[in-house]
Amino acid sequence: MIRHPADRIPVTLILALTTLDFIIYFTVDSFWVLLGYFVLMIIPKGCICAWNHHHQHTKTFTSVPMNRILEMSYALHTGVSTNLWLLHHVFGHHHNYLDQTLDESRWQREDGSTMGEWEYTWKTAITAYPRGFEVGLRYPGHLRTHLIYTALMISLVTGLVVYQPLQGFMLFLLPMVVGLLITAWATYDHHAGLGTDDDFHASYNNMNPVFNLLTGNLGYHTAHHQRQGVHWSELPALHEKIKHQIPAELFRGSYWDVLTDAAWIRWLFRTQAS
């Protein structure tokens, strides 16, 4: 039923986290416990945004109902409902990312200057659904599915908040809003400032192993844009074939390097010892 064996562990963990959310919803009524859980889950749920993205490129299950259940789980964590990224990202951004007048995730202002990180984050998050809808007008079947399941998501979350306002807000509504912002924020470093019409010069790449473990190889971004239908588990192999065509300056580090850079760790131990 699952298409790629590599998806088994991440999907199991994500669905388990959804189950945990509902268990806490029905059993916990302490504001401080709910707040602590929300803070603790910011990073794990932020990483789920990447897996939602991968699912929109290559569906996880062979069964449509199972894909819809998984998409509802993703929506409750990330605020991104069924087919939104299919329309906005797969049919939109991937076709238009070299043209900043069309790109659904554009990082360039109308005057040609580069947006700041937070300006881009807010604009991309706020316009995600409207821009997805605009693209969807060209794909009415996918748009219809998107609208139906978005309505179901809104109905479910509304019911959860009405039934138990505190739990519904802290466990579902707030994480969904934050998840959408994190999704937008995380994409800024993929292309911002790279005004070019060459695919090999248009994406930054992050080779940090921790980052790629948590995001499903999203750091191999040039390879992802070269063949967006390639499963996330196959991106490192594709990257090896094309890396000689990517300029060295497009390989960059990230916040994750602070945690995993061996030289930094050795320096810390030397400092402590002296």
C-alpha atoms as a PDB file:
ATOM      1  CA  MET A   1       0.000   0.000   0.000  1.00  0.00           C
ATOM      2  CA  ILE A   2       2.911   2.350   0.664  1.00  0.00           C
ATOM      3  CA  ARG A   3       4.805   3.211  -2.507  1.00  0.00           C
ATOM      4  CA  HIS A   4       8.336   3.664  -1.157  1.00  0.00           C
ATOM      5  CA  PRO A   5       9.704   1.700   1.833  1.00  0.00           C
ATOM      6  CA  ALA A   6      11.667   4.798   2.903  1.00  0.00           C
ATOM      7  CA  ASP A   7       8.370   6.499   3.789  1.00  0.00           C
ATOM      8  CA  ARG A   8       7.403   3.946   6.429  1.00  0.00           C
ATOM      9  CA  ILE A   9       9.286   5.433   9.375  1.00  0.00           C
ATOM     10  CA  PRO A  10       8.483   9.144   8.812  1.00  0.00           C
ATOM     11  CA  VAL A  11       4.815   8.438   8.060  1.00  0.00           C
ATOM     12  CA  THR A  12       4.476   6.218  11.130  1.00  0.00           C
ATOM     13  CA  LEU A  13       6.020   8.921  13.327  1.00  0.00           C
ATOM     14  CA  ILE A  14       3.820  11.673  11.878  1.00  0.00           C
ATOM     15  CA  LEU A  15       0.597   9.680  12.292  1.00  0.00           C
ATOM     16  CA  ALA A  16       1.691   8.725  15.814  1.00  0.00           C
ATOM     17  CA  LEU A  17       2.152  12.409  16.623  1.00  0.00           C
ATOM     18  CA  THR A  18      -1.352  13.138  15.335  1.00  0.00           C
ATOM     19  CA  THR A  19      -2.689  10.373  17.579  1.00  0.00           C
ATOM     20  CA  LEU A  20      -0.791  11.851  20.525  1.00  0.00           C
ATOM     21  CA  ASP A  21      -2.341  15.271  19.828  1.00  0.00           C
ATOM     22  CA  PHE A  22      -5.823  13.771  20.064  1.00  0.00           C
ATOM     23  CA  ILE A  23      -4.984  11.815  23.221  1.00  0.00           C
ATOM     24  CA  ILE A  24      -3.800  15.020  24.872  1.00  0.00           C
ATOM     25  CA  TYR A  25      -6.851  16.876  23.552  1.00  0.00           C
ATOM     26  CA  PHE A  26      -9.171  14.520  25.428  1.00  0.00           C
ATOM     27  CA  THR A  27      -7.086  14.052  28.587  1.00  0.00           C
ATOM     28  CA  VAL A  28      -5.270  17.312  29.418  1.00  0.00           C
ATOM     29  CA  ASP A  29      -6.862  20.580  30.508  1.00  0.00           C
ATOM     30  CA  SER A  30      -3.872  22.400  32.033  1.00  0.00           C
ATOM     31  CA  PHE A  31      -2.866  25.523  30.133  1.00  0.00           C
ATOM     32  CA  TRP A  32       0.768  25.177  31.220  1.00  0.00           C
ATOM     33  CA  VAL A  33       1.018  21.552  30.117  1.00  0.00           C
ATOM     34  CA  LEU A  34      -0.546  22.432  26.767  1.00  0.00           C
ATOM     35  CA  LEU A  35       1.794  25.409  26.367  1.00  0.00           C
ATOM     36  CA  GLY A  36       4.815  23.265  27.210  1.00  0.00           C
ATOM     37  CA  TYR A  37       3.713  20.645  24.689  1.00  0.00           C
ATOM     38  CA  PHE A  38       3.202  23.309  22.025  1.00  0.00           C
ATOM     39  CA  VAL A  39       6.715  24.721  22.560  1.00  0.00           C
ATOM     40  CA  LEU A  40       8.250  21.241  22.642  1.00  0.00           C
ATOM     41  CA  MET A  41       6.578  20.331  19.346  1.00  0.00           C
ATOM     42  CA  ILE A  42       7.512  23.466  17.369  1.00  0.00           C
ATOM     43  CA  ILE A  43      10.624  21.926  15.805  1.00  0.00           C
ATOM     44  CA  PRO A  44       9.194  18.414  15.175  1.00  0.00           C
ATOM     45  CA  LYS A  45       6.031  19.845  13.635  1.00  0.00           C
ATOM     46  CA  GLY A  46       8.109  22.340  11.668  1.00  0.00           C
ATOM     47  CA  CYS A  47       9.967  19.402  10.114  1.00  0.00           C
ATOM     48  CA  ILE A  48       6.640  17.828   9.139  1.00  0.00           C
ATOM     49  CA  CYS A  49       6.206  20.699   6.671  1.00  0.00           C
ATOM     50  CA  ALA A  50       8.993  19.171   4.565  1.00  0.00           C
ATOM     51  CA  TRP A  51       7.332  15.746   4.530  1.00  0.00           C
ATOM     52  CA  ASN A  52       4.019  17.298   3.522  1.00  0.00           C
ATOM     53  CA  HIS A  53       5.909  18.896   0.645  1.00  0.00           C
ATOM     54  CA  HIS A  54       7.371  15.545  -0.434  1.00  0.00           C
ATOM     55  CA  HIS A  55       3.932  13.922  -0.377  1.00  0.00           C
ATOM     56  CA  GLN A  56       2.611  16.567  -2.777  1.00  0.00           C
ATOM     57  CA  HIS A  57       5.311  15.619  -5.283  1.00  0.00           C
ATOM     58  CA  THR A  58       5.057  11.838  -4.962  1.00  0.00           C
ATOM     59  CA  LYS A  59       1.992  10.413  -3.209  1.00  0.00           C
ATOM     60  CA  THR A  60       2.853   8.192  -0.264  1.00  0.00           C
ATOM     61  CA  PHE A  61       0.172   5.501  -0.640  1.00  0.00           C
ATOM     62  CA  THR A  62      -1.302   3.676  -3.620  1.00  0.00           C
ATOM     63  CA  SER A  63      -4.711   4.095  -1.935  1.00  0.00           C
ATOM     64  CA  VAL A  64      -6.478   7.425  -2.406  1.00  0.00           C
ATOM     65  CA  PRO A  65      -8.356   7.187   0.950  1.00  0.00           C
ATOM     66  CA  MET A  66      -5.074   6.551   2.787  1.00  0.00           C
ATOM     67  CA  ASN A  67      -3.495   9.555   1.069  1.00  0.00           C
ATOM     68  CA  ARG A  68      -6.451  11.714   2.131  1.00  0.00           C
ATOM     69  CA  ILE A  69      -6.139  10.557   5.759  1.00  0.00           C
ATOM     70  CA  LEU A  70      -2.403  11.348   5.713  1.00  0.00           C
ATOM     71  CA  GLU A  71      -3.085  14.746   4.153  1.00  0.00           C
ATOM     72  CA  MET A  72      -5.542  15.568   6.923  1.00  0.00           C
ATOM     73  CA  SER A  73      -2.858  14.658   9.435  1.00  0.00           C
ATOM     74  CA  TYR A  74      -0.395  16.914   7.630  1.00  0.00           C
ATOM     75  CA  ALA A  75      -2.945  19.721   7.565  1.00  0.00           C
ATOM     76  CA  LEU A  76      -3.492  19.540  11.329  1.00  0.00           C
ATOM     77  CA  HIS A  77       0.250  19.938  11.880  1.00  0.00           C
ATOM     78  CA  THR A  78       1.173  22.421   9.152  1.00  0.00           C
ATOM     79  CA  GLY A  79      -1.933  24.375   8.174  1.00  0.00           C
ATOM     80  CA  VAL A  80      -1.503  23.191   4.571  1.00  0.00           C
ATOM     81  CA  SER A  81      -4.523  21.248   3.334  1.00  0.00           C
ATOM     82  CA  THR A  82      -4.914  18.633   0.589  1.00  0.00           C
ATOM     83  CA  ASN A  83      -3.580  19.731  -2.821  1.00  0.00           C
ATOM     84  CA  LEU A  84      -2.577  23.234  -1.703  1.00  0.00           C
ATOM     85  CA  TRP A  85       1.116  22.584  -2.320  1.00  0.00           C
ATOM     86  CA  LEU A  86       0.256  20.525  -5.393  1.00  0.00           C
ATOM     87  CA  LEU A  87      -1.294  23.660  -6.903  1.00  0.00           C
ATOM     88  CA  HIS A  88       0.852  26.383  -5.336  1.00  0.00           C
ATOM     89  CA  HIS A  89       4.184  24.555  -5.360  1.00  0.00           C
ATOM     90  CA  VAL A  90       4.204  21.685  -7.869  1.00  0.00           C
ATOM     91  CA  PHE A  91       2.126  23.308 -10.629  1.00  0.00           C
ATOM     92  CA  GLY A  92       3.085  26.854  -9.656  1.00  0.00           C
ATOM     93  CA  HIS A  93       6.490  27.483  -8.086  1.00  0.00           C
ATOM     94  CA  HIS A  94       8.354  24.690  -9.880  1.00  0.00           C
ATOM     95  CA  HIS A  95       7.269  26.029 -13.253  1.00  0.00           C
ATOM     96  CA  ASN A  96       7.804  29.705 -12.408  1.00  0.00           C
ATOM     97  CA  TYR A  97      10.666  29.938  -9.919  1.00  0.00           C
ATOM     98  CA  LEU A  98      13.037  31.397 -12.519  1.00  0.00           C
ATOM     99  CA  ASP A  99      10.577  34.232 -13.221  1.00  0.00           C
ATOM    100  CA  GLN A 100       9.953  36.447 -10.203  1.00  0.00           C
ATOM    101  CA  THR A 101       6.975  38.119 -11.835  1.00  0.00           C
ATOM    102  CA  LEU A 102       5.166  34.759 -11.793  1.00  0.00           C
ATOM    103  CA  ASP A 103       6.711  32.689  -9.000  1.00  0.00           C
ATOM    104  CA  GLU A 104       4.096  31.752  -6.386  1.00  0.00           C
ATOM    105  CA  SER A 105       6.895  31.857  -3.782  1.00  0.00           C
ATOM    106  CA  ARG A 106       8.532  34.978  -5.114  1.00  0.00           C
ATOM    107  CA  TRP A 107      11.313  36.538  -3.088  1.00  0.00           C
ATOM    108  CA  GLN A 108      11.709  39.631  -5.267  1.00  0.00           C
ATOM    109  CA  ARG A 109       9.818  42.890  -4.796  1.00  0.00           C
ATOM    110  CA  GLU A 110       8.227  44.657  -7.767  1.00  0.00           C
ATOM    111  CA  ASP A 111      11.199  47.053  -7.935  1.00  0.00           C
ATOM    112  CA  GLY A 112      13.589  44.115  -8.348  1.00  0.00           C
ATOM    113  CA  SER A 113      15.054  44.215  -4.856  1.00  0.00           C
ATOM    114  CA  THR A 114      15.220  41.170  -2.581  1.00  0.00           C
ATOM    115  CA  MET A 115      12.719  40.846   0.243  1.00  0.00           C
ATOM    116  CA  GLY A 116      13.944  40.407   3.775  1.00  0.00           C
ATOM    117  CA  GLU A 117      13.462  37.024   5.422  1.00  0.00           C
ATOM    118  CA  TRP A 118      10.441  38.022   7.524  1.00  0.00           C
ATOM    119  CA  GLU A 119       8.794  40.059   4.786  1.00  0.00           C
ATOM    120  CA  TYR A 120       9.013  37.032   2.515  1.00  0.00           C
ATOM    121  CA  THR A 121       7.743  34.712   5.253  1.00  0.00           C
ATOM    122  CA  TRP A 122       4.610  36.721   5.990  1.00  0.00           C
ATOM    123  CA  LYS A 123       3.791  37.438   2.348  1.00  0.00           C
ATOM    124  CA  THR A 124       4.266  33.831   1.261  1.00  0.00           C
ATOM    125  CA  ALA A 125       2.168  32.499   4.156  1.00  0.00           C
ATOM    126  CA  ILE A 126      -0.658  35.009   3.745  1.00  0.00           C
ATOM    127  CA  THR A 127      -0.868  34.517  -0.021  1.00  0.00           C
ATOM    128  CA  ALA A 128      -0.491  30.721   0.028  1.00  0.00           C
ATOM    129  CA  TYR A 129      -4.184  29.878  -0.268  1.00  0.00           C
ATOM    130  CA  PRO A 130      -5.129  32.695  -2.700  1.00  0.00           C
ATOM    131  CA  ARG A 131      -2.213  31.890  -5.012  1.00  0.00           C
ATOM    132  CA  GLY A 132      -2.974  28.187  -4.789  1.00  0.00           C
ATOM    133  CA  PHE A 133      -6.557  28.959  -5.788  1.00  0.00           C
ATOM    134  CA  GLU A 134      -5.382  31.021  -8.773  1.00  0.00           C
ATOM    135  CA  VAL A 135      -3.246  28.153 -10.038  1.00  0.00           C
ATOM    136  CA  GLY A 136      -6.118  25.768  -9.354  1.00  0.00           C
ATOM    137  CA  LEU A 137      -8.337  27.572 -11.847  1.00  0.00           C
ATOM    138  CA  ARG A 138      -6.214  25.880 -14.521  1.00  0.00           C
ATOM    139  CA  TYR A 139      -6.648  22.486 -12.835  1.00  0.00           C
ATOM    140  CA  PRO A 140     -10.326  22.317 -11.850  1.00  0.00           C
ATOM    141  CA  GLY A 141     -10.250  18.666 -10.761  1.00  0.00           C
ATOM    142  CA  HIS A 142      -7.389  19.201  -8.321  1.00  0.00           C
ATOM    143  CA  LEU A 143      -8.919  22.491  -7.191  1.00  0.00           C
ATOM    144  CA  ARG A 144     -12.229  20.817  -6.421  1.00  0.00           C
ATOM    145  CA  THR A 145     -10.460  18.212  -4.259  1.00  0.00           C
ATOM    146  CA  HIS A 146      -8.523  20.987  -2.527  1.00  0.00           C
ATOM    147  CA  LEU A 147     -11.671  22.964  -1.732  1.00  0.00           C
ATOM    148  CA  ILE A 148     -13.552  19.911  -0.437  1.00  0.00           C
ATOM    149  CA  TYR A 149     -10.802  18.814   1.926  1.00  0.00           C
ATOM    150  CA  THR A 150      -9.996  22.354   2.998  1.00  0.00           C
ATOM    151  CA  ALA A 151     -13.645  22.722   3.988  1.00  0.00           C
ATOM    152  CA  LEU A 152     -13.446  19.425   5.915  1.00  0.00           C
ATOM    153  CA  MET A 153     -10.280  20.591   7.667  1.00  0.00           C
ATOM    154  CA  ILE A 154     -11.882  23.892   8.651  1.00  0.00           C
ATOM    155  CA  SER A 155     -14.990  22.085   9.889  1.00  0.00           C
ATOM    156  CA  LEU A 156     -12.948  19.625  11.945  1.00  0.00           C
ATOM    157  CA  VAL A 157     -10.761  22.284  13.551  1.00  0.00           C
ATOM    158  CA  THR A 158     -13.767  24.513  14.210  1.00  0.00           C
ATOM    159  CA  GLY A 159     -15.507  21.612  15.936  1.00  0.00           C
ATOM    160  CA  LEU A 160     -12.424  20.831  18.029  1.00  0.00           C
ATOM    161  CA  VAL A 161     -12.104  24.465  19.141  1.00  0.00           C
ATOM    162  CA  VAL A 162     -15.820  24.835  19.901  1.00  0.00           C
ATOM    163  CA  TYR A 163     -15.941  21.581  21.894  1.00  0.00           C
ATOM    164  CA  GLN A 164     -12.814  22.346  23.931  1.00  0.00           C
ATOM    165  CA  PRO A 165     -11.569  25.880  23.187  1.00  0.00           C
ATOM    166  CA  LEU A 166      -8.265  25.763  25.069  1.00  0.00           C
ATOM    167  CA  GLN A 167      -7.209  22.342  23.817  1.00  0.00           C
ATOM    168  CA  GLY A 168      -8.469  23.007  20.298  1.00  0.00           C
ATOM    169  CA  PHE A 169      -6.548  26.266  20.091  1.00  0.00           C
ATOM    170  CA  MET A 170      -3.276  25.057  21.652  1.00  0.00           C
ATOM    171  CA  LEU A 171      -3.128  21.637  19.982  1.00  0.00           C
ATOM    172  CA  PHE A 172      -4.512  22.371  16.534  1.00  0.00           C
ATOM    173  CA  LEU A 173      -5.319  25.939  15.532  1.00  0.00           C
ATOM    174  CA  LEU A 174      -2.149  27.613  16.833  1.00  0.00           C
ATOM    175  CA  PRO A 175       0.228  24.904  15.539  1.00  0.00           C
ATOM    176  CA  MET A 176      -1.422  25.106  12.115  1.00  0.00           C
ATOM    177  CA  VAL A 177      -0.851  28.865  11.889  1.00  0.00           C
ATOM    178  CA  VAL A 178       2.726  28.537  13.135  1.00  0.00           C
ATOM    179  CA  GLY A 179       3.284  25.576  10.801  1.00  0.00           C
ATOM    180  CA  LEU A 180       2.258  27.606   7.756  1.00  0.00           C
ATOM    181  CA  LEU A 181       4.633  30.396   8.795  1.00  0.00           C
ATOM    182  CA  ILE A 182       7.469  27.908   9.338  1.00  0.00           C
ATOM    183  CA  THR A 183       6.813  26.384   5.922  1.00  0.00           C
ATOM    184  CA  ALA A 184       7.092  29.798   4.279  1.00  0.00           C
ATOM    185  CA  TRP A 185      10.134  30.809   6.341  1.00  0.00           C
ATOM    186  CA  ALA A 186      11.994  27.578   5.530  1.00  0.00           C
ATOM    187  CA  THR A 187      11.716  28.213   1.782  1.00  0.00           C
ATOM    188  CA  TYR A 188      13.396  31.629   1.869  1.00  0.00           C
ATOM    189  CA  ASP A 189      16.907  30.161   1.803  1.00  0.00           C
ATOM    190  CA  HIS A 190      16.148  27.990  -1.206  1.00  0.00           C
ATOM    191  CA  HIS A 191      16.268  30.721  -3.846  1.00  0.00           C
ATOM    192  CA  ALA A 192      16.326  34.249  -2.381  1.00  0.00           C
ATOM    193  CA  GLY A 193      18.677  36.558  -4.251  1.00  0.00           C
ATOM    194  CA  LEU A 194      19.381  34.159  -7.119  1.00  0.00           C
ATOM    195  CA  GLY A 195      18.078  36.015 -10.149  1.00  0.00           C
ATOM    196  CA  THR A 196      18.951  33.703 -13.035  1.00  0.00           C
ATOM    197  CA  ASP A 197      17.427  31.680 -15.851  1.00  0.00           C
ATOM    198  CA  ASP A 198      19.788  28.732 -15.288  1.00  0.00           C
ATOM    199  CA  ASP A 199      18.433  25.829 -13.219  1.00  0.00           C
ATOM    200  CA  PHE A 200      21.898  24.981 -11.897  1.00  0.00           C
ATOM    201  CA  HIS A 201      22.416  28.530 -10.592  1.00  0.00           C
ATOM    202  CA  ALA A 202      18.951  29.081  -9.101  1.00  0.00           C
ATOM    203  CA  SER A 203      18.950  27.077  -5.846  1.00  0.00           C
ATOM    204  CA  TYR A 204      21.041  26.939  -2.692  1.00  0.00           C
ATOM    205  CA  ASN A 205      21.961  23.487  -1.440  1.00  0.00           C
ATOM    206  CA  ASN A 206      22.423  22.362   2.149  1.00  0.00           C
ATOM    207  CA  MET A 207      24.509  19.209   2.610  1.00  0.00           C
ATOM    208  CA  ASN A 208      24.196  19.093   6.396  1.00  0.00           C
ATOM    209  CA  PRO A 209      23.277  15.488   7.292  1.00  0.00           C
ATOM    210  CA  VAL A 210      21.044  16.398  10.244  1.00  0.00           C
ATOM    211  CA  PHE A 211      19.089  18.897   8.170  1.00  0.00           C
ATOM    212  CA  ASN A 212      18.599  16.346   5.400  1.00  0.00           C
ATOM    213  CA  LEU A 213      17.651  13.580   7.815  1.00  0.00           C
ATOM    214  CA  LEU A 214      14.927  15.736   9.394  1.00  0.00           C
ATOM    215  CA  THR A 215      13.633  17.189   6.119  1.00  0.00           C
ATOM    216  CA  GLY A 216      13.928  14.210   3.783  1.00  0.00           C
ATOM    217  CA  ASN A 217      16.915  15.483   1.783  1.00  0.00           C
ATOM    218  CA  LEU A 218      15.366  18.868   1.092  1.00  0.00           C
ATOM    219  CA  GLY A 219      18.875  20.310   1.092  1.00  0.00           C
ATOM    220  CA  TYR A 220      19.523  18.721  -2.302  1.00  0.00           C
ATOM    221  CA  HIS A 221      17.481  21.485  -3.796  1.00  0.00           C
ATOM    222  CA  THR A 222      19.014  21.824  -7.237  1.00  0.00           C
ATOM    223  CA  ALA A 223      18.437  18.115  -7.818  1.00  0.00           C
ATOM    224  CA  HIS A 224      14.869  18.512  -6.584  1.00  0.00           C
ATOM    225  CA  HIS A 225      14.217  21.253  -9.142  1.00  0.00           C
ATOM    226  CA  GLN A 226      15.935  19.322 -11.883  1.00  0.00           C
ATOM    227  CA  ARG A 227      13.517  16.412 -11.476  1.00  0.00           C
ATOM    228  CA  GLN A 228      10.744  17.326  -9.094  1.00  0.00           C
ATOM    229  CA  GLY A 229       9.068  13.929  -9.405  1.00  0.00           C
ATOM    230  CA  VAL A 230      12.057  12.061  -7.961  1.00  0.00           C
ATOM    231  CA  HIS A 231      11.307  10.553  -4.556  1.00  0.00           C
ATOM    232  CA  TRP A 232      13.086  12.284  -1.689  1.00  0.00           C
ATOM    233  CA  SER A 233      15.118   9.158  -0.902  1.00  0.00           C
ATOM    234  CA  GLU A 234      16.652   9.250  -4.400  1.00  0.00           C
ATOM    235  CA  LEU A 235      17.763  12.892  -4.334  1.00  0.00           C
ATOM    236  CA  PRO A 236      21.321  12.269  -3.007  1.00  0.00           C
ATOM    237  CA  ALA A 237      22.025   9.904  -5.924  1.00  0.00           C
ATOM    238  CA  LEU A 238      20.672  12.430  -8.417  1.00  0.00           C
ATOM    239  CA  HIS A 239      22.724  15.171  -6.764  1.00  0.00           C
ATOM    240  CA  GLU A 240      25.924  13.156  -7.258  1.00  0.00           C
ATOM    241  CA  LYS A 241      25.271  13.106 -11.003  1.00  0.00           C
ATOM    242  CA  ILE A 242      24.803  16.868 -11.345  1.00  0.00           C
ATOM    243  CA  LYS A 243      26.839  18.426  -8.501  1.00  0.00           C
ATOM    244  CA  HIS A 244      29.721  19.324 -10.836  1.00  0.00           C
ATOM    245  CA  GLN A 245      27.334  21.718 -12.614  1.00  0.00           C
ATOM    246  CA  ILE A 246      26.402  23.586  -9.419  1.00  0.00           C
ATOM    247  CA  PRO A 247      28.577  26.596  -8.486  1.00  0.00           C
ATOM    248  CA  ALA A 248      30.483  26.166  -5.214  1.00  0.00           C
ATOM    249  CA  GLU A 249      28.932  29.306  -3.717  1.00  0.00           C
ATOM    250  CA  LEU A 250      25.501  27.672  -3.866  1.00  0.00           C
ATOM    251  CA  PHE A 251      26.478  25.152  -1.211  1.00  0.00           C
ATOM    252  CA  ARG A 252      25.741  26.744   2.129  1.00  0.00           C
ATOM    253  CA  GLY A 253      25.373  25.814   5.759  1.00  0.00           C
ATOM    254  CA  SER A 254      22.424  26.302   8.062  1.00  0.00           C
ATOM    255  CA  TYR A 255      21.505  26.669  11.712  1.00  0.00           C
ATOM    256  CA  TRP A 256      21.863  22.886  11.943  1.00  0.00           C
ATOM    257  CA  ASP A 257      25.619  23.203  11.388  1.00  0.00           C
ATOM    258  CA  VAL A 258      25.929  24.787  14.822  1.00  0.00           C
ATOM    259  CA  LEU A 259      24.811  21.457  16.310  1.00  0.00           C
ATOM    260  CA  THR A 260      26.654  19.059  14.022  1.00  0.00           C
ATOM    261  CA  ASP A 261      29.908  20.708  12.949  1.00  0.00           C
ATOM    262  CA  ALA A 262      32.655  18.469  14.342  1.00  0.00           C
ATOM    263  CA  ALA A 263      35.239  21.288  14.344  1.00  0.00           C
ATOM    264  CA  TRP A 264      32.938  23.446  16.492  1.00  0.00           C
ATOM    265  CA  ILE A 265      32.421  20.593  18.953  1.00  0.00           C
ATOM    266  CA  ARG A 266      36.194  19.967  19.192  1.00  0.00           C
ATOM    267  CA  TRP A 267      36.769  23.700  19.769  1.00  0.00           C
ATOM    268  CA  LEU A 268      34.183  23.685  22.575  1.00  0.00           C
ATOM    269  CA  PHE A 269      35.863  20.778  24.357  1.00  0.00           C
ATOM    270  CA  ARG A 270      39.287  22.427  24.040  1.00  0.00           C
ATOM    271  CA  THR A 271      37.857  25.661  25.485  1.00  0.00           C
ATOM    272  CA  GLN A 272      36.304  23.828  28.419  1.00  0.00           C
ATOM    273  CA  ALA A 273      39.520  21.968  29.132  1.00  0.00           C
ATOM    274  CA  SER A 274      41.726  25.072  29.133  1.00  0.00           C
END
